[in-house]
Amino acid sequence: MNSLWRPRVLGAWRVPATGPVILAGNHAHNVDGPMLMGTAPRPVHFLIKKEAFIGPLDPFLRGIGQLKVDRSAADRSAVTDALAVLEAGGVLGIFPEGTRGQGDFAALRGGLAYFALRSGAPVVPVAVLGSADRAGRLIRALPPLRSRIDVVFGDPFTVGDGSGRRTRTALDEATVRLQERLAGHLTDARRLTGLCRPPAGR
């Protein structure tokens, strides 16, 4: 990451040093996942679409602890693997928007709420900023080489009422709370880094 771009990491000390943690990041570009993996203060196990596990990438991704998920259906194996990471006191990485988009946390899927409620692990919001800037790209699929990318970690928080309930109502309520906290962190991160405006449409 440091050889291709100029990442600036802010607030990494907010990530708990031990115990289960969920990193919830915004997702506007292909490089967001590798950038977060490369700059997080602890090893991160991401849920990654199964289509990425091809050729030499398959053993590489498995070797660094990444988790394959089939997004076309309810993948029970991926859920079990993700919960096992948290039960072992590890760090699970999730892009709660489900796929690349505007990266503004405007629409969250229910997976983040489920893992947070089921495990009780704190959620640390992460904003990756600068990766969606279109100006100066030599390779369309990547941010401009040597451009600055900010990775901003927020304060950890928990969701739910402590009862461990995973009913549809509890999941819906937790998703709303997560969306509010993640969007608030993104606003604060843009202000902190001077990127007050959302990235331009792609």
C-alpha atoms as a PDB file:
ATOM      1  CA  MET A   1       0.000   0.000   0.000  1.00  0.00           C
ATOM      2  CA  ASN A   2       2.805   2.413   0.900  1.00  0.00           C
ATOM      3  CA  SER A   3       4.654   1.768  -2.349  1.00  0.00           C
ATOM      4  CA  LEU A   4       1.650   2.542  -4.584  1.00  0.00           C
ATOM      5  CA  TRP A   5      -0.182   5.236  -2.621  1.00  0.00           C
ATOM      6  CA  ARG A   6       0.326   7.507   0.373  1.00  0.00           C
ATOM      7  CA  PRO A   7      -1.995   6.160   3.064  1.00  0.00           C
ATOM      8  CA  ARG A   8      -2.544   8.302   6.137  1.00  0.00           C
ATOM      9  CA  VAL A   9      -3.936   6.385   9.090  1.00  0.00           C
ATOM     10  CA  LEU A  10      -5.855   8.280  11.760  1.00  0.00           C
ATOM     11  CA  GLY A  11      -7.265   6.907  15.007  1.00  0.00           C
ATOM     12  CA  ALA A  12      -5.846   3.384  14.785  1.00  0.00           C
ATOM     13  CA  TRP A  13      -5.397   3.494  18.558  1.00  0.00           C
ATOM     14  CA  ARG A  14      -9.184   3.361  18.871  1.00  0.00           C
ATOM     15  CA  VAL A  15      -9.224  -0.281  17.745  1.00  0.00           C
ATOM     16  CA  PRO A  16      -9.249  -2.452  20.904  1.00  0.00           C
ATOM     17  CA  ALA A  17      -5.880  -4.195  21.254  1.00  0.00           C
ATOM     18  CA  THR A  18      -7.422  -7.528  22.229  1.00  0.00           C
ATOM     19  CA  GLY A  19     -10.740  -9.331  22.015  1.00  0.00           C
ATOM     20  CA  PRO A  20     -13.310  -9.644  19.235  1.00  0.00           C
ATOM     21  CA  VAL A  21     -13.850  -6.565  17.068  1.00  0.00           C
ATOM     22  CA  ILE A  22     -15.827  -5.824  13.913  1.00  0.00           C
ATOM     23  CA  LEU A  23     -14.387  -3.231  11.534  1.00  0.00           C
ATOM     24  CA  ALA A  24     -17.185  -1.708   9.437  1.00  0.00           C
ATOM     25  CA  GLY A  25     -15.863   0.212   6.448  1.00  0.00           C
ATOM     26  CA  ASN A  26     -17.398   2.235   3.649  1.00  0.00           C
ATOM     27  CA  HIS A  27     -16.819   0.827   0.176  1.00  0.00           C
ATOM     28  CA  ALA A  28     -16.407   3.102  -2.836  1.00  0.00           C
ATOM     29  CA  HIS A  29     -13.478   1.443  -4.611  1.00  0.00           C
ATOM     30  CA  ASN A  30     -11.692  -1.872  -5.202  1.00  0.00           C
ATOM     31  CA  VAL A  31      -8.684  -0.778  -3.180  1.00  0.00           C
ATOM     32  CA  ASP A  32     -10.662  -0.122   0.028  1.00  0.00           C
ATOM     33  CA  GLY A  33     -10.395  -3.704   1.299  1.00  0.00           C
ATOM     34  CA  PRO A  34      -6.648  -4.157   0.697  1.00  0.00           C
ATOM     35  CA  MET A  35      -6.015  -0.662   2.065  1.00  0.00           C
ATOM     36  CA  LEU A  36      -7.868  -1.467   5.278  1.00  0.00           C
ATOM     37  CA  MET A  37      -6.132  -4.842   5.599  1.00  0.00           C
ATOM     38  CA  GLY A  38      -2.755  -3.191   5.124  1.00  0.00           C
ATOM     39  CA  THR A  39      -3.235  -0.340   7.579  1.00  0.00           C
ATOM     40  CA  ALA A  40      -5.301  -1.875  10.424  1.00  0.00           C
ATOM     41  CA  PRO A  41      -3.380  -2.342  13.682  1.00  0.00           C
ATOM     42  CA  ARG A  42      -4.532  -5.972  13.934  1.00  0.00           C
ATOM     43  CA  PRO A  43      -4.936  -8.761  11.349  1.00  0.00           C
ATOM     44  CA  VAL A  44      -8.361  -8.500   9.708  1.00  0.00           C
ATOM     45  CA  HIS A  45     -10.465 -11.358   8.341  1.00  0.00           C
ATOM     46  CA  PHE A  46     -12.769 -10.044   5.610  1.00  0.00           C
ATOM     47  CA  LEU A  47     -15.799 -11.668   4.078  1.00  0.00           C
ATOM     48  CA  ILE A  48     -14.878 -11.596   0.377  1.00  0.00           C
ATOM     49  CA  LYS A  49     -17.034 -12.646  -2.573  1.00  0.00           C
ATOM     50  CA  LYS A  50     -16.195 -16.136  -3.803  1.00  0.00           C
ATOM     51  CA  GLU A  51     -15.520 -14.820  -7.319  1.00  0.00           C
ATOM     52  CA  ALA A  52     -12.257 -13.302  -6.027  1.00  0.00           C
ATOM     53  CA  PHE A  53     -10.905 -16.719  -5.031  1.00  0.00           C
ATOM     54  CA  ILE A  54      -9.559 -17.681  -8.447  1.00  0.00           C
ATOM     55  CA  GLY A  55      -6.137 -18.784  -9.682  1.00  0.00           C
ATOM     56  CA  PRO A  56      -3.194 -17.817  -7.454  1.00  0.00           C
ATOM     57  CA  LEU A  57      -5.431 -15.454  -5.478  1.00  0.00           C
ATOM     58  CA  ASP A  58      -7.264 -18.421  -3.959  1.00  0.00           C
ATOM     59  CA  PRO A  59      -4.388 -19.819  -1.848  1.00  0.00           C
ATOM     60  CA  PHE A  60      -3.115 -16.306  -1.139  1.00  0.00           C
ATOM     61  CA  LEU A  61      -6.436 -15.041   0.248  1.00  0.00           C
ATOM     62  CA  ARG A  62      -6.947 -18.211   2.248  1.00  0.00           C
ATOM     63  CA  GLY A  63      -3.391 -18.007   3.545  1.00  0.00           C
ATOM     64  CA  ILE A  64      -3.920 -14.538   4.999  1.00  0.00           C
ATOM     65  CA  GLY A  65      -7.149 -15.597   6.656  1.00  0.00           C
ATOM     66  CA  GLN A  66      -9.774 -14.137   4.341  1.00  0.00           C
ATOM     67  CA  LEU A  67     -13.226 -15.722   4.243  1.00  0.00           C
ATOM     68  CA  LYS A  68     -15.071 -16.792   1.096  1.00  0.00           C
ATOM     69  CA  VAL A  69     -18.751 -15.890   0.869  1.00  0.00           C
ATOM     70  CA  ASP A  70     -21.372 -16.767  -1.733  1.00  0.00           C
ATOM     71  CA  ARG A  71     -23.422 -13.590  -2.131  1.00  0.00           C
ATOM     72  CA  SER A  72     -26.082 -15.251  -4.276  1.00  0.00           C
ATOM     73  CA  ALA A  73     -27.613 -17.116  -1.343  1.00  0.00           C
ATOM     74  CA  ALA A  74     -27.545 -17.404   2.443  1.00  0.00           C
ATOM     75  CA  ASP A  75     -24.044 -18.819   2.947  1.00  0.00           C
ATOM     76  CA  ARG A  76     -24.168 -20.658   6.284  1.00  0.00           C
ATOM     77  CA  SER A  77     -20.552 -21.750   6.000  1.00  0.00           C
ATOM     78  CA  ALA A  78     -19.365 -18.144   5.673  1.00  0.00           C
ATOM     79  CA  VAL A  79     -21.508 -17.112   8.655  1.00  0.00           C
ATOM     80  CA  THR A  80     -20.015 -19.926  10.743  1.00  0.00           C
ATOM     81  CA  ASP A  81     -16.470 -18.972   9.717  1.00  0.00           C
ATOM     82  CA  ALA A  82     -17.063 -15.292  10.535  1.00  0.00           C
ATOM     83  CA  LEU A  83     -18.517 -16.065  13.952  1.00  0.00           C
ATOM     84  CA  ALA A  84     -15.561 -18.380  14.636  1.00  0.00           C
ATOM     85  CA  VAL A  85     -13.185 -15.456  14.037  1.00  0.00           C
ATOM     86  CA  LEU A  86     -15.021 -13.397  16.657  1.00  0.00           C
ATOM     87  CA  GLU A  87     -15.333 -16.280  19.100  1.00  0.00           C
ATOM     88  CA  ALA A  88     -11.542 -16.702  18.889  1.00  0.00           C
ATOM     89  CA  GLY A  89     -11.063 -13.025  19.753  1.00  0.00           C
ATOM     90  CA  GLY A  90     -10.158 -11.941  16.228  1.00  0.00           C
ATOM     91  CA  VAL A  91     -11.063  -9.024  13.987  1.00  0.00           C
ATOM     92  CA  LEU A  92     -13.809  -9.394  11.389  1.00  0.00           C
ATOM     93  CA  GLY A  93     -13.945  -6.889   8.537  1.00  0.00           C
ATOM     94  CA  ILE A  94     -17.255  -6.087   6.850  1.00  0.00           C
ATOM     95  CA  PHE A  95     -18.377  -3.659   4.174  1.00  0.00           C
ATOM     96  CA  PRO A  96     -21.972  -3.354   5.406  1.00  0.00           C
ATOM     97  CA  GLU A  97     -23.201  -1.778   2.160  1.00  0.00           C
ATOM     98  CA  GLY A  98     -22.641  -5.206   0.606  1.00  0.00           C
ATOM     99  CA  THR A  99     -20.900  -4.015  -2.542  1.00  0.00           C
ATOM    100  CA  ARG A 100     -19.131  -1.000  -3.979  1.00  0.00           C
ATOM    101  CA  GLY A 101     -21.252   2.126  -4.268  1.00  0.00           C
ATOM    102  CA  GLN A 102     -21.056   5.730  -3.194  1.00  0.00           C
ATOM    103  CA  GLY A 103     -19.365   4.644   0.037  1.00  0.00           C
ATOM    104  CA  ASP A 104     -21.644   6.785   2.194  1.00  0.00           C
ATOM    105  CA  PHE A 105     -23.304   4.107   4.375  1.00  0.00           C
ATOM    106  CA  ALA A 106     -26.675   5.228   2.976  1.00  0.00           C
ATOM    107  CA  ALA A 107     -28.021   1.672   2.712  1.00  0.00           C
ATOM    108  CA  LEU A 108     -26.838  -1.132   4.992  1.00  0.00           C
ATOM    109  CA  ARG A 109     -27.567  -4.820   4.681  1.00  0.00           C
ATOM    110  CA  GLY A 110     -28.462  -6.817   7.761  1.00  0.00           C
ATOM    111  CA  GLY A 111     -25.252  -8.853   8.013  1.00  0.00           C
ATOM    112  CA  LEU A 112     -23.379  -6.362  10.187  1.00  0.00           C
ATOM    113  CA  ALA A 113     -26.260  -6.116  12.665  1.00  0.00           C
ATOM    114  CA  TYR A 114     -26.511  -9.909  12.854  1.00  0.00           C
ATOM    115  CA  PHE A 115     -22.821 -10.418  13.626  1.00  0.00           C
ATOM    116  CA  ALA A 116     -22.775  -7.549  16.113  1.00  0.00           C
ATOM    117  CA  LEU A 117     -25.836  -8.833  17.984  1.00  0.00           C
ATOM    118  CA  ARG A 118     -24.860 -12.495  17.821  1.00  0.00           C
ATOM    119  CA  SER A 119     -21.270 -11.974  19.026  1.00  0.00           C
ATOM    120  CA  GLY A 120     -21.647  -8.907  21.228  1.00  0.00           C
ATOM    121  CA  ALA A 121     -18.397  -7.642  19.701  1.00  0.00           C
ATOM    122  CA  PRO A 122     -17.845  -3.879  19.510  1.00  0.00           C
ATOM    123  CA  VAL A 123     -18.060  -2.250  16.089  1.00  0.00           C
ATOM    124  CA  VAL A 124     -15.346   0.163  14.980  1.00  0.00           C
ATOM    125  CA  PRO A 125     -16.416   2.408  12.066  1.00  0.00           C
ATOM    126  CA  VAL A 126     -13.774   2.994   9.410  1.00  0.00           C
ATOM    127  CA  ALA A 127     -13.832   5.631   6.675  1.00  0.00           C
ATOM    128  CA  VAL A 128     -11.569   5.155   3.654  1.00  0.00           C
ATOM    129  CA  LEU A 129     -11.396   8.504   1.872  1.00  0.00           C
ATOM    130  CA  GLY A 130      -9.711   9.542  -1.346  1.00  0.00           C
ATOM    131  CA  SER A 131      -9.927   6.171  -3.079  1.00  0.00           C
ATOM    132  CA  ALA A 132     -12.916   7.250  -5.213  1.00  0.00           C
ATOM    133  CA  ASP A 133     -11.273  10.370  -6.637  1.00  0.00           C
ATOM    134  CA  ARG A 134     -11.347   9.997 -10.426  1.00  0.00           C
ATOM    135  CA  ALA A 135      -8.848  12.709 -11.348  1.00  0.00           C
ATOM    136  CA  GLY A 136      -5.387  11.629 -12.465  1.00  0.00           C
ATOM    137  CA  ARG A 137      -5.971   7.908 -12.799  1.00  0.00           C
ATOM    138  CA  LEU A 138      -3.600   6.026 -15.089  1.00  0.00           C
ATOM    139  CA  ILE A 139      -5.455   2.776 -14.463  1.00  0.00           C
ATOM    140  CA  ARG A 140      -9.205   3.222 -14.323  1.00  0.00           C
ATOM    141  CA  ALA A 141      -9.727   0.506 -11.709  1.00  0.00           C
ATOM    142  CA  LEU A 142      -7.261   2.062  -9.268  1.00  0.00           C
ATOM    143  CA  PRO A 143      -6.874   5.434  -7.541  1.00  0.00           C
ATOM    144  CA  PRO A 144      -4.138   7.704  -8.933  1.00  0.00           C
ATOM    145  CA  LEU A 145      -0.720   6.308  -8.033  1.00  0.00           C
ATOM    146  CA  ARG A 146       0.989   8.081  -5.144  1.00  0.00           C
ATOM    147  CA  SER A 147      -2.253   9.845  -4.243  1.00  0.00           C
ATOM    148  CA  ARG A 148      -3.193  10.247  -0.597  1.00  0.00           C
ATOM    149  CA  ILE A 149      -5.758   7.883   0.873  1.00  0.00           C
ATOM    150  CA  ASP A 150      -6.992   8.513   4.394  1.00  0.00           C
ATOM    151  CA  VAL A 151      -8.058   5.624   6.631  1.00  0.00           C
ATOM    152  CA  VAL A 152      -9.909   6.981   9.655  1.00  0.00           C
ATOM    153  CA  PHE A 153     -10.877   4.697  12.555  1.00  0.00           C
ATOM    154  CA  GLY A 154     -13.696   5.764  14.870  1.00  0.00           C
ATOM    155  CA  ASP A 155     -14.645   4.986  18.448  1.00  0.00           C
ATOM    156  CA  PRO A 156     -15.859   1.433  19.152  1.00  0.00           C
ATOM    157  CA  PHE A 157     -19.495   0.973  20.126  1.00  0.00           C
ATOM    158  CA  THR A 158     -21.916  -1.871  20.726  1.00  0.00           C
ATOM    159  CA  VAL A 159     -25.433  -2.356  19.427  1.00  0.00           C
ATOM    160  CA  GLY A 160     -28.438  -4.044  20.931  1.00  0.00           C
ATOM    161  CA  ASP A 161     -29.862  -3.873  24.425  1.00  0.00           C
ATOM    162  CA  GLY A 162     -27.617  -6.516  25.941  1.00  0.00           C
ATOM    163  CA  SER A 163     -30.256  -9.236  25.738  1.00  0.00           C
ATOM    164  CA  GLY A 164     -28.676 -10.933  22.725  1.00  0.00           C
ATOM    165  CA  ARG A 165     -32.019 -10.874  20.895  1.00  0.00           C
ATOM    166  CA  ARG A 166     -31.748 -11.555  17.167  1.00  0.00           C
ATOM    167  CA  THR A 167     -35.383 -11.135  16.212  1.00  0.00           C
ATOM    168  CA  ARG A 168     -36.274  -9.307  13.007  1.00  0.00           C
ATOM    169  CA  THR A 169     -37.265  -6.260  15.052  1.00  0.00           C
ATOM    170  CA  ALA A 170     -33.983  -6.309  16.975  1.00  0.00           C
ATOM    171  CA  LEU A 171     -31.992  -6.637  13.734  1.00  0.00           C
ATOM    172  CA  ASP A 172     -33.910  -3.792  12.107  1.00  0.00           C
ATOM    173  CA  GLU A 173     -33.408  -1.536  15.128  1.00  0.00           C
ATOM    174  CA  ALA A 174     -29.704  -2.385  15.285  1.00  0.00           C
ATOM    175  CA  THR A 175     -29.290  -1.679  11.565  1.00  0.00           C
ATOM    176  CA  VAL A 176     -30.809   1.787  12.017  1.00  0.00           C
ATOM    177  CA  ARG A 177     -28.478   2.536  14.925  1.00  0.00           C
ATOM    178  CA  LEU A 178     -25.491   1.268  12.956  1.00  0.00           C
ATOM    179  CA  GLN A 179     -26.372   3.397   9.948  1.00  0.00           C
ATOM    180  CA  GLU A 180     -26.610   6.498  12.120  1.00  0.00           C
ATOM    181  CA  ARG A 181     -23.291   5.872  13.859  1.00  0.00           C
ATOM    182  CA  LEU A 182     -21.415   4.934  10.678  1.00  0.00           C
ATOM    183  CA  ALA A 183     -22.775   7.891   8.709  1.00  0.00           C
ATOM    184  CA  GLY A 184     -21.885  10.197  11.591  1.00  0.00           C
ATOM    185  CA  HIS A 185     -18.327   8.866  11.650  1.00  0.00           C
ATOM    186  CA  LEU A 186     -18.023   9.380   7.892  1.00  0.00           C
ATOM    187  CA  THR A 187     -19.107  13.010   8.264  1.00  0.00           C
ATOM    188  CA  ASP A 188     -16.589  13.537  11.066  1.00  0.00           C
ATOM    189  CA  ALA A 189     -13.832  11.841   9.057  1.00  0.00           C
ATOM    190  CA  ARG A 190     -14.454  14.055   6.026  1.00  0.00           C
ATOM    191  CA  ARG A 191     -14.293  17.119   8.225  1.00  0.00           C
ATOM    192  CA  LEU A 192     -11.113  15.900   9.918  1.00  0.00           C
ATOM    193  CA  THR A 193      -9.317  15.163   6.646  1.00  0.00           C
ATOM    194  CA  GLY A 194     -10.595  18.204   4.782  1.00  0.00           C
ATOM    195  CA  LEU A 195     -12.704  16.091   2.417  1.00  0.00           C
ATOM    196  CA  CYS A 196     -15.980  17.649   3.442  1.00  0.00           C
ATOM    197  CA  ARG A 197     -17.767  16.864   0.212  1.00  0.00           C
ATOM    198  CA  PRO A 198     -18.800  13.345  -0.766  1.00  0.00           C
ATOM    199  CA  PRO A 199     -16.846  11.814  -3.689  1.00  0.00           C
ATOM    200  CA  ALA A 200     -18.130  12.711  -7.146  1.00  0.00           C
ATOM    201  CA  GLY A 201     -20.365  10.175  -8.873  1.00  0.00           C
ATOM    202  CA  ARG A 202     -18.503   7.547 -10.852  1.00  0.00           C
END
